[in-house]
Structure formats: C-alpha cells, structure tokens
Amino acid sequence: MIQLDDNMLRRLQMIQLEMLTEVDRICRKCNIQYNIIAGTLLGAIRHKGYIPWDDDADVAFLRPEYEKFRDACKSELDKSRFIFQDHRNTKGYRWGYGKLRRKNTLFLREHQEHMPYMQGVFIDIFPLDGVPDNYLLRSLKNFECFCIRKILWSKVGKFAEKNFWKRQAYKVLDKLPEKTVFRYYHTMIYRANKNNTRMVRILMFPTPNSEYGYYRNWYEKSKEVEFEGKRLQGIQDHDSYLNFKFGEYMKLPPAEKRKVHPVSGIKLIGK
C-alpha cells in the first residue's frame, strides 16, 4: 500500500477541486441542482475546504437532477481533462453511481487493480433515490440494497475479503450475470422514484444510520458555501444534516479515526 505524504495528499485534493469546479460550472450553466455532501460539506463548514486528511470528494443529486447532469456531461464536460463514468457507459464498471475522473492520472484503490476501465483520480457523483416512509419497509429496502451492493462488490470482494469463506461466497456471487444484476438495479430505481417520499438515499452505497435514509428536503434547498476559495453548492440546512450524519461535527475526531483509503498505485499531475 502507498502511504500518501502531505504533499501528495494536497496535490490529490487540488485535482479533485478541479473536478468539483467543473461540476459546479456545468450545473450553473445547465440549471442543475447539486450539493456537496458528507465529508466534503463538513470540510466546507469546519475548514472552509478539505478536511486536512481527506482523500476524496462527494457530490449528490436527487435522481432527476443526476440524469440531467449525466446528459449534460455528453456535451458540456471538458473532455480534454475529464471523463464521466457509470455502469451505463463504462464496460466492467460495477458501482451504482457515477465518478468523474481526471485524465492523465492514476489512483488505484487497493484490490481494484484488475478492474477493466480507466482509474484516474476521481470524485464520486451520487444519485439519491426515494426510500419508503414506513420504517419497516425502509429497513427491508436497506437489506435489498445491501444484497445488490454485495453482488456488485463481489468482483473486488473475491480478492479483498480476508475471511476465506466470505471470499468463496463472493466468487459465487461474481458468477451472476452483470446485465441481470443491473437490470434488477434499474427496476429498483424505477420503484424508488414512483412516489415523492420523505426520505432518500444512495441505493448502492452504505447508509450507516438507524434511519436508513436522509431527509429529501435537505437536498432540495441549497446555498453557496466556501470551499478552498471557490463557491460551491451545499445543503442549506447544513447544521441538521451534519448533526444527523456526524453528531458533534465541529469537534475533530481522534487521530486514530482519521482514515484514508488504501491505494496501490498513484500518478498525479501538478507540483
């Protein structure tokens, strides 16, 4: 595993900032609503930029806005610098959300070296879909999301999982036809957006809270926030969102909880 020093981490962050700025440019031009979320929004509020040890960036769209952004990338994205990937346009891509990547870079997550697509420095582009208002049904939806996510993860899990028996299970799951799995996922998306539910979530990403979702109205109202000297769109009621997600979010976590992702290969641009 490659340990990023402070200089490499900062260069990585600045490349990601390029992509955040490109998302903002496209969305302003095409009247698309987005929000920086999770640690990226926390960084904006607490640090006016990146959390010092953070090595990724997250952007979220309610599903209709995600589809608008995906379409806008076909004509508006600066393709000399960036590429947008998701499972609909990138063969072998196994995630149920998109990534914007910087060309002429490399950022290999550990155990993903075999994945058959360009793996440059990226930011995550998340679609948010509805989940049931009823708590029991939402809990069942969470289990459904867990199962499909693990099937998609199996291509990596059969190498990354340390437990022998779980690795064997992933090897079996990996034999399921990819087209069939994504066909089922698209059925999930359709069902999730038939009604304007109170809560939403990223279907193919863990939602580690007991509510198994986030309030839709958080993502419907945005405001400009300062991030590394740029003005990006963030959740207007950031206090409620960040308290819900992180608890006492203005308090720095202890050093042992300041995690970065394991990386096996990296190539950056800039100094």
C-alpha atoms as a PDB file:
ATOM      1  CA  MET A   1       0.000   0.000   0.000  1.00  0.00           C
ATOM      2  CA  ILE A   2       1.195   3.523  -0.823  1.00  0.00           C
ATOM      3  CA  GLN A   3       1.192   5.964   2.075  1.00  0.00           C
ATOM      4  CA  LEU A   4       0.322   9.455   0.839  1.00  0.00           C
ATOM      5  CA  ASP A   5       2.508  12.151   2.330  1.00  0.00           C
ATOM      6  CA  ASP A   6       1.151  15.640   2.952  1.00  0.00           C
ATOM      7  CA  ASN A   7       2.406  16.947  -0.395  1.00  0.00           C
ATOM      8  CA  MET A   8       0.839  14.101  -2.404  1.00  0.00           C
ATOM      9  CA  LEU A   9      -2.428  14.377  -0.482  1.00  0.00           C
ATOM     10  CA  ARG A  10      -2.642  18.099  -1.168  1.00  0.00           C
ATOM     11  CA  ARG A  11      -1.922  17.580  -4.877  1.00  0.00           C
ATOM     12  CA  LEU A  12      -4.661  14.924  -4.946  1.00  0.00           C
ATOM     13  CA  GLN A  13      -7.098  17.330  -3.303  1.00  0.00           C
ATOM     14  CA  MET A  14      -6.313  20.071  -5.814  1.00  0.00           C
ATOM     15  CA  ILE A  15      -7.008  17.712  -8.740  1.00  0.00           C
ATOM     16  CA  GLN A  16     -10.323  16.801  -7.151  1.00  0.00           C
ATOM     17  CA  LEU A  17     -11.022  20.524  -6.693  1.00  0.00           C
ATOM     18  CA  GLU A  18     -10.668  20.896 -10.481  1.00  0.00           C
ATOM     19  CA  MET A  19     -13.464  18.366 -10.869  1.00  0.00           C
ATOM     20  CA  LEU A  20     -15.672  19.935  -8.219  1.00  0.00           C
ATOM     21  CA  THR A  21     -15.285  23.237 -10.033  1.00  0.00           C
ATOM     22  CA  GLU A  22     -16.205  21.564 -13.337  1.00  0.00           C
ATOM     23  CA  VAL A  23     -19.351  20.055 -11.787  1.00  0.00           C
ATOM     24  CA  ASP A  24     -20.310  23.487 -10.478  1.00  0.00           C
ATOM     25  CA  ARG A  25     -19.665  25.104 -13.878  1.00  0.00           C
ATOM     26  CA  ILE A  26     -21.834  22.601 -15.743  1.00  0.00           C
ATOM     27  CA  CYS A  27     -24.628  22.768 -13.185  1.00  0.00           C
ATOM     28  CA  ARG A  28     -24.744  26.566 -13.195  1.00  0.00           C
ATOM     29  CA  LYS A  29     -24.788  26.630 -16.984  1.00  0.00           C
ATOM     30  CA  CYS A  30     -27.499  23.970 -17.288  1.00  0.00           C
ATOM     31  CA  ASN A  31     -29.565  24.944 -14.231  1.00  0.00           C
ATOM     32  CA  ILE A  32     -28.974  21.653 -12.402  1.00  0.00           C
ATOM     33  CA  GLN A  33     -29.191  21.440  -8.616  1.00  0.00           C
ATOM     34  CA  TYR A  34     -26.437  19.616  -6.777  1.00  0.00           C
ATOM     35  CA  ASN A  35     -24.922  19.559  -3.299  1.00  0.00           C
ATOM     36  CA  ILE A  36     -21.537  18.731  -1.912  1.00  0.00           C
ATOM     37  CA  ILE A  37     -22.235  16.243   0.874  1.00  0.00           C
ATOM     38  CA  ALA A  38     -20.687  14.113   3.609  1.00  0.00           C
ATOM     39  CA  GLY A  39     -17.052  14.907   4.429  1.00  0.00           C
ATOM     40  CA  THR A  40     -16.841  17.448   1.609  1.00  0.00           C
ATOM     41  CA  LEU A  41     -19.646  19.541   3.119  1.00  0.00           C
ATOM     42  CA  LEU A  42     -18.209  19.005   6.594  1.00  0.00           C
ATOM     43  CA  GLY A  43     -14.858  20.272   5.312  1.00  0.00           C
ATOM     44  CA  ALA A  44     -16.517  23.358   3.824  1.00  0.00           C
ATOM     45  CA  ILE A  45     -18.243  24.232   7.103  1.00  0.00           C
ATOM     46  CA  ARG A  46     -15.455  23.307   9.535  1.00  0.00           C
ATOM     47  CA  HIS A  47     -12.319  24.050   7.477  1.00  0.00           C
ATOM     48  CA  LYS A  48     -13.511  26.224   4.550  1.00  0.00           C
ATOM     49  CA  GLY A  49     -12.108  23.482   2.327  1.00  0.00           C
ATOM     50  CA  TYR A  50     -10.865  19.933   2.613  1.00  0.00           C
ATOM     51  CA  ILE A  51     -10.711  18.117   5.898  1.00  0.00           C
ATOM     52  CA  PRO A  52      -6.886  18.058   6.129  1.00  0.00           C
ATOM     53  CA  TRP A  53      -6.612  14.258   5.919  1.00  0.00           C
ATOM     54  CA  ASP A  54      -9.479  13.683   3.457  1.00  0.00           C
ATOM     55  CA  ASP A  55      -8.637  11.964   0.157  1.00  0.00           C
ATOM     56  CA  ASP A  56     -11.995  12.039  -1.646  1.00  0.00           C
ATOM     57  CA  ALA A  57     -14.880  14.331  -2.557  1.00  0.00           C
ATOM     58  CA  ASP A  58     -18.606  13.692  -2.783  1.00  0.00           C
ATOM     59  CA  VAL A  59     -21.350  15.348  -4.832  1.00  0.00           C
ATOM     60  CA  ALA A  60     -25.022  14.324  -4.729  1.00  0.00           C
ATOM     61  CA  PHE A  61     -28.064  14.919  -6.927  1.00  0.00           C
ATOM     62  CA  LEU A  62     -31.672  13.935  -6.485  1.00  0.00           C
ATOM     63  CA  ARG A  63     -32.329  11.371  -9.244  1.00  0.00           C
ATOM     64  CA  PRO A  64     -33.906  13.739 -11.844  1.00  0.00           C
ATOM     65  CA  GLU A  65     -31.017  16.169 -11.437  1.00  0.00           C
ATOM     66  CA  TYR A  66     -28.493  13.322 -11.665  1.00  0.00           C
ATOM     67  CA  GLU A  67     -29.945  12.284 -15.003  1.00  0.00           C
ATOM     68  CA  LYS A  68     -29.777  15.905 -16.213  1.00  0.00           C
ATOM     69  CA  PHE A  69     -26.136  16.114 -15.140  1.00  0.00           C
ATOM     70  CA  ARG A  70     -25.301  12.797 -16.787  1.00  0.00           C
ATOM     71  CA  ASP A  71     -26.810  14.012 -20.053  1.00  0.00           C
ATOM     72  CA  ALA A  72     -25.133  17.422 -19.769  1.00  0.00           C
ATOM     73  CA  CYS A  73     -21.735  15.754 -19.459  1.00  0.00           C
ATOM     74  CA  LYS A  74     -22.116  14.398 -23.002  1.00  0.00           C
ATOM     75  CA  SER A  75     -21.946  17.906 -24.470  1.00  0.00           C
ATOM     76  CA  GLU A  76     -20.679  20.214 -21.718  1.00  0.00           C
ATOM     77  CA  LEU A  77     -17.908  18.275 -19.967  1.00  0.00           C
ATOM     78  CA  ASP A  78     -14.336  19.368 -20.745  1.00  0.00           C
ATOM     79  CA  LYS A  79     -13.321  16.046 -22.289  1.00  0.00           C
ATOM     80  CA  SER A  80      -9.717  17.165 -22.723  1.00  0.00           C
ATOM     81  CA  ARG A  81      -9.358  16.881 -18.943  1.00  0.00           C
ATOM     82  CA  PHE A  82     -12.198  14.765 -17.586  1.00  0.00           C
ATOM     83  CA  ILE A  83     -14.257  11.634 -18.158  1.00  0.00           C
ATOM     84  CA  PHE A  84     -17.596  10.709 -16.596  1.00  0.00           C
ATOM     85  CA  GLN A  85     -18.085   7.025 -15.799  1.00  0.00           C
ATOM     86  CA  ASP A  86     -21.043   4.960 -14.723  1.00  0.00           C
ATOM     87  CA  HIS A  87     -22.269   1.445 -15.405  1.00  0.00           C
ATOM     88  CA  ARG A  88     -24.243   2.618 -18.461  1.00  0.00           C
ATOM     89  CA  ASN A  89     -21.259   3.974 -20.383  1.00  0.00           C
ATOM     90  CA  THR A  90     -18.240   2.089 -18.998  1.00  0.00           C
ATOM     91  CA  LYS A  91     -17.737  -1.636 -19.544  1.00  0.00           C
ATOM     92  CA  GLY A  92     -16.903  -3.523 -16.362  1.00  0.00           C
ATOM     93  CA  TYR A  93     -17.886  -0.641 -14.082  1.00  0.00           C
ATOM     94  CA  ARG A  94     -19.538  -2.183 -11.012  1.00  0.00           C
ATOM     95  CA  TRP A  95     -20.790   0.746  -8.952  1.00  0.00           C
ATOM     96  CA  GLY A  96     -24.369   2.009  -8.882  1.00  0.00           C
ATOM     97  CA  TYR A  97     -23.305   5.657  -9.054  1.00  0.00           C
ATOM     98  CA  GLY A  98     -21.010   7.770 -11.192  1.00  0.00           C
ATOM     99  CA  LYS A  99     -17.453   9.004 -10.974  1.00  0.00           C
ATOM    100  CA  LEU A 100     -15.845  11.996 -12.618  1.00  0.00           C
ATOM    101  CA  ARG A 101     -12.181  11.236 -13.324  1.00  0.00           C
ATOM    102  CA  ARG A 102      -9.165  13.328 -14.265  1.00  0.00           C
ATOM    103  CA  LYS A 103      -7.420  12.148 -17.404  1.00  0.00           C
ATOM    104  CA  ASN A 104      -3.642  11.554 -17.328  1.00  0.00           C
ATOM    105  CA  THR A 105      -3.734  10.491 -13.680  1.00  0.00           C
ATOM    106  CA  LEU A 106      -3.838   7.187 -11.803  1.00  0.00           C
ATOM    107  CA  PHE A 107      -5.466   6.427  -8.469  1.00  0.00           C
ATOM    108  CA  LEU A 108      -5.715   2.687  -7.885  1.00  0.00           C
ATOM    109  CA  ARG A 109      -7.676   1.614  -4.852  1.00  0.00           C
ATOM    110  CA  GLU A 110      -6.254  -1.493  -3.219  1.00  0.00           C
ATOM    111  CA  HIS A 111      -7.696  -4.749  -4.674  1.00  0.00           C
ATOM    112  CA  GLN A 112      -9.215  -2.907  -7.654  1.00  0.00           C
ATOM    113  CA  GLU A 113      -6.163  -3.105  -9.902  1.00  0.00           C
ATOM    114  CA  HIS A 114      -7.877  -5.697 -12.126  1.00  0.00           C
ATOM    115  CA  MET A 115     -10.950  -3.594 -12.877  1.00  0.00           C
ATOM    116  CA  PRO A 116     -11.083  -3.072 -16.674  1.00  0.00           C
ATOM    117  CA  TYR A 117     -11.553   0.681 -17.004  1.00  0.00           C
ATOM    118  CA  MET A 118      -9.603   3.915 -16.668  1.00  0.00           C
ATOM    119  CA  GLN A 119      -8.865   4.530 -12.975  1.00  0.00           C
ATOM    120  CA  GLY A 120      -7.699   8.097 -12.617  1.00  0.00           C
ATOM    121  CA  VAL A 121      -8.168  10.487  -9.701  1.00  0.00           C
ATOM    122  CA  PHE A 122     -11.921  10.836  -9.152  1.00  0.00           C
ATOM    123  CA  ILE A 123     -14.784  12.379  -7.262  1.00  0.00           C
ATOM    124  CA  ASP A 124     -17.981  10.435  -6.567  1.00  0.00           C
ATOM    125  CA  ILE A 125     -21.191  11.560  -8.273  1.00  0.00           C
ATOM    126  CA  PHE A 126     -24.107  10.139  -6.283  1.00  0.00           C
ATOM    127  CA  PRO A 127     -27.783   9.830  -7.309  1.00  0.00           C
ATOM    128  CA  LEU A 128     -30.321   9.985  -4.495  1.00  0.00           C
ATOM    129  CA  ASP A 129     -33.424   7.796  -4.797  1.00  0.00           C
ATOM    130  CA  GLY A 130     -36.536   7.548  -2.659  1.00  0.00           C
ATOM    131  CA  VAL A 131     -36.958   5.022   0.149  1.00  0.00           C
ATOM    132  CA  PRO A 132     -40.251   4.089   1.850  1.00  0.00           C
ATOM    133  CA  ASP A 133     -41.664   6.398   4.516  1.00  0.00           C
ATOM    134  CA  ASN A 134     -42.668   3.374   6.602  1.00  0.00           C
ATOM    135  CA  TYR A 135     -39.729   2.392   8.808  1.00  0.00           C
ATOM    136  CA  LEU A 136     -40.197  -1.375   8.480  1.00  0.00           C
ATOM    137  CA  LEU A 137     -40.389  -1.138   4.684  1.00  0.00           C
ATOM    138  CA  ARG A 138     -37.364   1.157   4.693  1.00  0.00           C
ATOM    139  CA  SER A 139     -35.449  -1.420   6.738  1.00  0.00           C
ATOM    140  CA  LEU A 140     -36.357  -4.115   4.208  1.00  0.00           C
ATOM    141  CA  LYS A 141     -35.257  -1.775   1.405  1.00  0.00           C
ATOM    142  CA  ASN A 142     -31.933  -1.368   3.193  1.00  0.00           C
ATOM    143  CA  PHE A 143     -31.462  -5.150   3.177  1.00  0.00           C
ATOM    144  CA  GLU A 144     -32.316  -5.298  -0.533  1.00  0.00           C
ATOM    145  CA  CYS A 145     -29.761  -2.543  -1.233  1.00  0.00           C
ATOM    146  CA  PHE A 146     -27.179  -4.418   0.853  1.00  0.00           C
ATOM    147  CA  CYS A 147     -27.661  -7.617  -1.147  1.00  0.00           C
ATOM    148  CA  ILE A 148     -27.371  -5.989  -4.579  1.00  0.00           C
ATOM    149  CA  ARG A 149     -24.405  -3.881  -3.441  1.00  0.00           C
ATOM    150  CA  LYS A 150     -22.575  -7.003  -2.251  1.00  0.00           C
ATOM    151  CA  ILE A 151     -23.243  -8.748  -5.561  1.00  0.00           C
ATOM    152  CA  LEU A 152     -21.724  -5.788  -7.414  1.00  0.00           C
ATOM    153  CA  TRP A 153     -18.835  -5.638  -4.948  1.00  0.00           C
ATOM    154  CA  SER A 154     -18.091  -9.349  -5.467  1.00  0.00           C
ATOM    155  CA  LYS A 155     -15.714  -8.578  -8.352  1.00  0.00           C
ATOM    156  CA  VAL A 156     -13.490  -6.861  -5.773  1.00  0.00           C
ATOM    157  CA  GLY A 157     -14.570  -8.763  -2.680  1.00  0.00           C
ATOM    158  CA  LYS A 158     -13.315 -12.106  -4.012  1.00  0.00           C
ATOM    159  CA  PHE A 159      -9.815 -10.639  -3.662  1.00  0.00           C
ATOM    160  CA  ALA A 160     -10.211  -8.051  -0.910  1.00  0.00           C
ATOM    161  CA  GLU A 161     -12.124 -10.065   1.690  1.00  0.00           C
ATOM    162  CA  LYS A 162      -9.808 -11.522   4.340  1.00  0.00           C
ATOM    163  CA  ASN A 163     -12.175 -14.242   5.526  1.00  0.00           C
ATOM    164  CA  PHE A 164     -11.750 -17.424   3.428  1.00  0.00           C
ATOM    165  CA  TRP A 165     -15.428 -18.417   3.396  1.00  0.00           C
ATOM    166  CA  LYS A 166     -16.635 -14.935   2.546  1.00  0.00           C
ATOM    167  CA  ARG A 167     -14.148 -14.859  -0.348  1.00  0.00           C
ATOM    168  CA  GLN A 168     -15.677 -18.077  -1.647  1.00  0.00           C
ATOM    169  CA  ALA A 169     -19.155 -16.563  -1.340  1.00  0.00           C
ATOM    170  CA  TYR A 170     -18.025 -13.537  -3.348  1.00  0.00           C
ATOM    171  CA  LYS A 171     -16.630 -15.847  -6.022  1.00  0.00           C
ATOM    172  CA  VAL A 172     -20.065 -17.451  -6.345  1.00  0.00           C
ATOM    173  CA  LEU A 173     -21.833 -14.064  -6.425  1.00  0.00           C
ATOM    174  CA  ASP A 174     -19.434 -12.869  -9.110  1.00  0.00           C
ATOM    175  CA  LYS A 175     -20.786 -15.547 -11.441  1.00  0.00           C
ATOM    176  CA  LEU A 176     -24.192 -13.850 -11.569  1.00  0.00           C
ATOM    177  CA  PRO A 177     -24.650 -12.178 -14.968  1.00  0.00           C
ATOM    178  CA  GLU A 178     -23.785  -8.493 -14.684  1.00  0.00           C
ATOM    179  CA  LYS A 179     -26.551  -7.440 -17.069  1.00  0.00           C
ATOM    180  CA  THR A 180     -29.146  -9.234 -14.954  1.00  0.00           C
ATOM    181  CA  VAL A 181     -27.937  -7.557 -11.763  1.00  0.00           C
ATOM    182  CA  PHE A 182     -28.043  -4.089 -13.310  1.00  0.00           C
ATOM    183  CA  ARG A 183     -31.447  -4.809 -14.854  1.00  0.00           C
ATOM    184  CA  TYR A 184     -32.692  -5.510 -11.332  1.00  0.00           C
ATOM    185  CA  TYR A 185     -30.993  -2.340 -10.069  1.00  0.00           C
ATOM    186  CA  HIS A 186     -32.813  -0.280 -12.703  1.00  0.00           C
ATOM    187  CA  THR A 187     -36.086  -1.812 -11.513  1.00  0.00           C
ATOM    188  CA  MET A 188     -35.161  -0.659  -8.014  1.00  0.00           C
ATOM    189  CA  ILE A 189     -34.547   2.871  -9.323  1.00  0.00           C
ATOM    190  CA  TYR A 190     -37.900   2.931 -11.090  1.00  0.00           C
ATOM    191  CA  ARG A 191     -39.784   1.760  -7.987  1.00  0.00           C
ATOM    192  CA  ALA A 192     -37.876   4.182  -5.765  1.00  0.00           C
ATOM    193  CA  ASN A 193     -38.983   7.215  -7.753  1.00  0.00           C
ATOM    194  CA  LYS A 194     -42.650   6.441  -8.342  1.00  0.00           C
ATOM    195  CA  ASN A 195     -43.586   8.499  -5.272  1.00  0.00           C
ATOM    196  CA  ASN A 196     -42.170  11.651  -3.717  1.00  0.00           C
ATOM    197  CA  THR A 197     -41.064  10.025  -0.461  1.00  0.00           C
ATOM    198  CA  ARG A 198     -39.917  11.928   2.614  1.00  0.00           C
ATOM    199  CA  MET A 199     -36.526  10.205   2.687  1.00  0.00           C
ATOM    200  CA  VAL A 200     -33.893   9.364   0.089  1.00  0.00           C
ATOM    201  CA  ARG A 201     -30.575   7.538  -0.054  1.00  0.00           C
ATOM    202  CA  ILE A 202     -27.817   6.370  -2.357  1.00  0.00           C
ATOM    203  CA  LEU A 203     -29.128   2.890  -3.114  1.00  0.00           C
ATOM    204  CA  MET A 204     -25.741   1.357  -3.876  1.00  0.00           C
ATOM    205  CA  PHE A 205     -23.755   2.935  -1.044  1.00  0.00           C
ATOM    206  CA  PRO A 206     -23.927   2.128   2.686  1.00  0.00           C
ATOM    207  CA  THR A 207     -26.245   4.319   4.750  1.00  0.00           C
ATOM    208  CA  PRO A 208     -24.813   3.802   8.239  1.00  0.00           C
ATOM    209  CA  ASN A 209     -27.597   5.284  10.325  1.00  0.00           C
ATOM    210  CA  SER A 210     -30.558   3.709  12.064  1.00  0.00           C
ATOM    211  CA  GLU A 211     -32.990   5.607   9.829  1.00  0.00           C
ATOM    212  CA  TYR A 212     -31.606   4.037   6.608  1.00  0.00           C
ATOM    213  CA  GLY A 213     -32.013   7.296   4.748  1.00  0.00           C
ATOM    214  CA  TYR A 214     -31.708  11.073   4.728  1.00  0.00           C
ATOM    215  CA  TYR A 215     -34.418  13.716   4.507  1.00  0.00           C
ATOM    216  CA  ARG A 216     -35.255  14.717   0.948  1.00  0.00           C
ATOM    217  CA  ASN A 217     -35.801  18.371   1.833  1.00  0.00           C
ATOM    218  CA  TRP A 218     -32.133  18.702   2.801  1.00  0.00           C
ATOM    219  CA  TYR A 219     -31.195  18.216  -0.850  1.00  0.00           C
ATOM    220  CA  GLU A 220     -33.939  20.432  -2.254  1.00  0.00           C
ATOM    221  CA  LYS A 221     -32.602  23.684  -0.782  1.00  0.00           C
ATOM    222  CA  SER A 222     -29.001  24.675  -1.408  1.00  0.00           C
ATOM    223  CA  LYS A 223     -26.772  27.617  -0.638  1.00  0.00           C
ATOM    224  CA  GLU A 224     -23.300  28.693  -1.660  1.00  0.00           C
ATOM    225  CA  VAL A 225     -20.516  27.574   0.666  1.00  0.00           C
ATOM    226  CA  GLU A 226     -16.835  28.430   0.566  1.00  0.00           C
ATOM    227  CA  PHE A 227     -14.565  25.544  -0.359  1.00  0.00           C
ATOM    228  CA  GLU A 228     -10.850  26.125  -0.991  1.00  0.00           C
ATOM    229  CA  GLY A 229     -11.591  29.664  -2.150  1.00  0.00           C
ATOM    230  CA  LYS A 230     -14.340  28.510  -4.532  1.00  0.00           C
ATOM    231  CA  ARG A 231     -18.097  28.934  -4.150  1.00  0.00           C
ATOM    232  CA  LEU A 232     -19.866  25.566  -4.361  1.00  0.00           C
ATOM    233  CA  GLN A 233     -23.429  24.461  -3.653  1.00  0.00           C
ATOM    234  CA  GLY A 234     -24.051  22.851  -0.271  1.00  0.00           C
ATOM    235  CA  ILE A 235     -27.090  21.834   1.772  1.00  0.00           C
ATOM    236  CA  GLN A 236     -28.786  24.943   3.119  1.00  0.00           C
ATOM    237  CA  ASP A 237     -29.692  23.342   6.454  1.00  0.00           C
ATOM    238  CA  HIS A 238     -26.189  22.001   6.867  1.00  0.00           C
ATOM    239  CA  ASP A 239     -26.429  22.000  10.663  1.00  0.00           C
ATOM    240  CA  SER A 240     -29.302  19.480  10.748  1.00  0.00           C
ATOM    241  CA  TYR A 241     -27.704  17.318   8.062  1.00  0.00           C
ATOM    242  CA  LEU A 242     -24.222  17.268   9.604  1.00  0.00           C
ATOM    243  CA  ASN A 243     -25.565  16.633  13.121  1.00  0.00           C
ATOM    244  CA  PHE A 244     -27.622  13.751  11.744  1.00  0.00           C
ATOM    245  CA  LYS A 245     -24.648  12.270   9.905  1.00  0.00           C
ATOM    246  CA  PHE A 246     -21.705  13.026  12.188  1.00  0.00           C
ATOM    247  CA  GLY A 247     -23.032  14.103  15.580  1.00  0.00           C
ATOM    248  CA  GLU A 248     -20.822  16.825  17.090  1.00  0.00           C
ATOM    249  CA  TYR A 249     -19.395  17.683  13.703  1.00  0.00           C
ATOM    250  CA  MET A 250     -17.316  20.715  14.728  1.00  0.00           C
ATOM    251  CA  LYS A 251     -15.263  18.541  17.064  1.00  0.00           C
ATOM    252  CA  LEU A 252     -12.188  16.968  15.448  1.00  0.00           C
ATOM    253  CA  PRO A 253     -12.057  13.158  15.656  1.00  0.00           C
ATOM    254  CA  PRO A 254      -9.102  11.475  17.411  1.00  0.00           C
ATOM    255  CA  ALA A 255      -6.054  10.785  15.235  1.00  0.00           C
ATOM    256  CA  GLU A 256      -6.781   7.031  15.004  1.00  0.00           C
ATOM    257  CA  LYS A 257     -10.134   7.723  13.317  1.00  0.00           C
ATOM    258  CA  ARG A 258      -8.703   9.983  10.608  1.00  0.00           C
ATOM    259  CA  LYS A 259      -8.800   7.345   7.898  1.00  0.00           C
ATOM    260  CA  VAL A 260      -7.590   7.423   4.290  1.00  0.00           C
ATOM    261  CA  HIS A 261      -8.335   4.823   1.605  1.00  0.00           C
ATOM    262  CA  PRO A 262      -5.683   2.169   0.821  1.00  0.00           C
ATOM    263  CA  VAL A 263      -4.000   2.961  -2.516  1.00  0.00           C
ATOM    264  CA  SER A 264      -1.753   0.640  -4.518  1.00  0.00           C
ATOM    265  CA  GLY A 265      -0.881   2.947  -7.431  1.00  0.00           C
ATOM    266  CA  ILE A 266      -0.916   6.688  -7.941  1.00  0.00           C
ATOM    267  CA  LYS A 267       0.124   9.194 -10.600  1.00  0.00           C
ATOM    268  CA  LEU A 268      -0.664  12.864 -10.118  1.00  0.00           C
ATOM    269  CA  ILE A 269      -0.235  15.999 -12.188  1.00  0.00           C
ATOM    270  CA  GLY A 270       0.989  19.342 -10.914  1.00  0.00           C
ATOM    271  CA  LYS A 271       3.585  20.172  -8.303  1.00  0.00           C
END
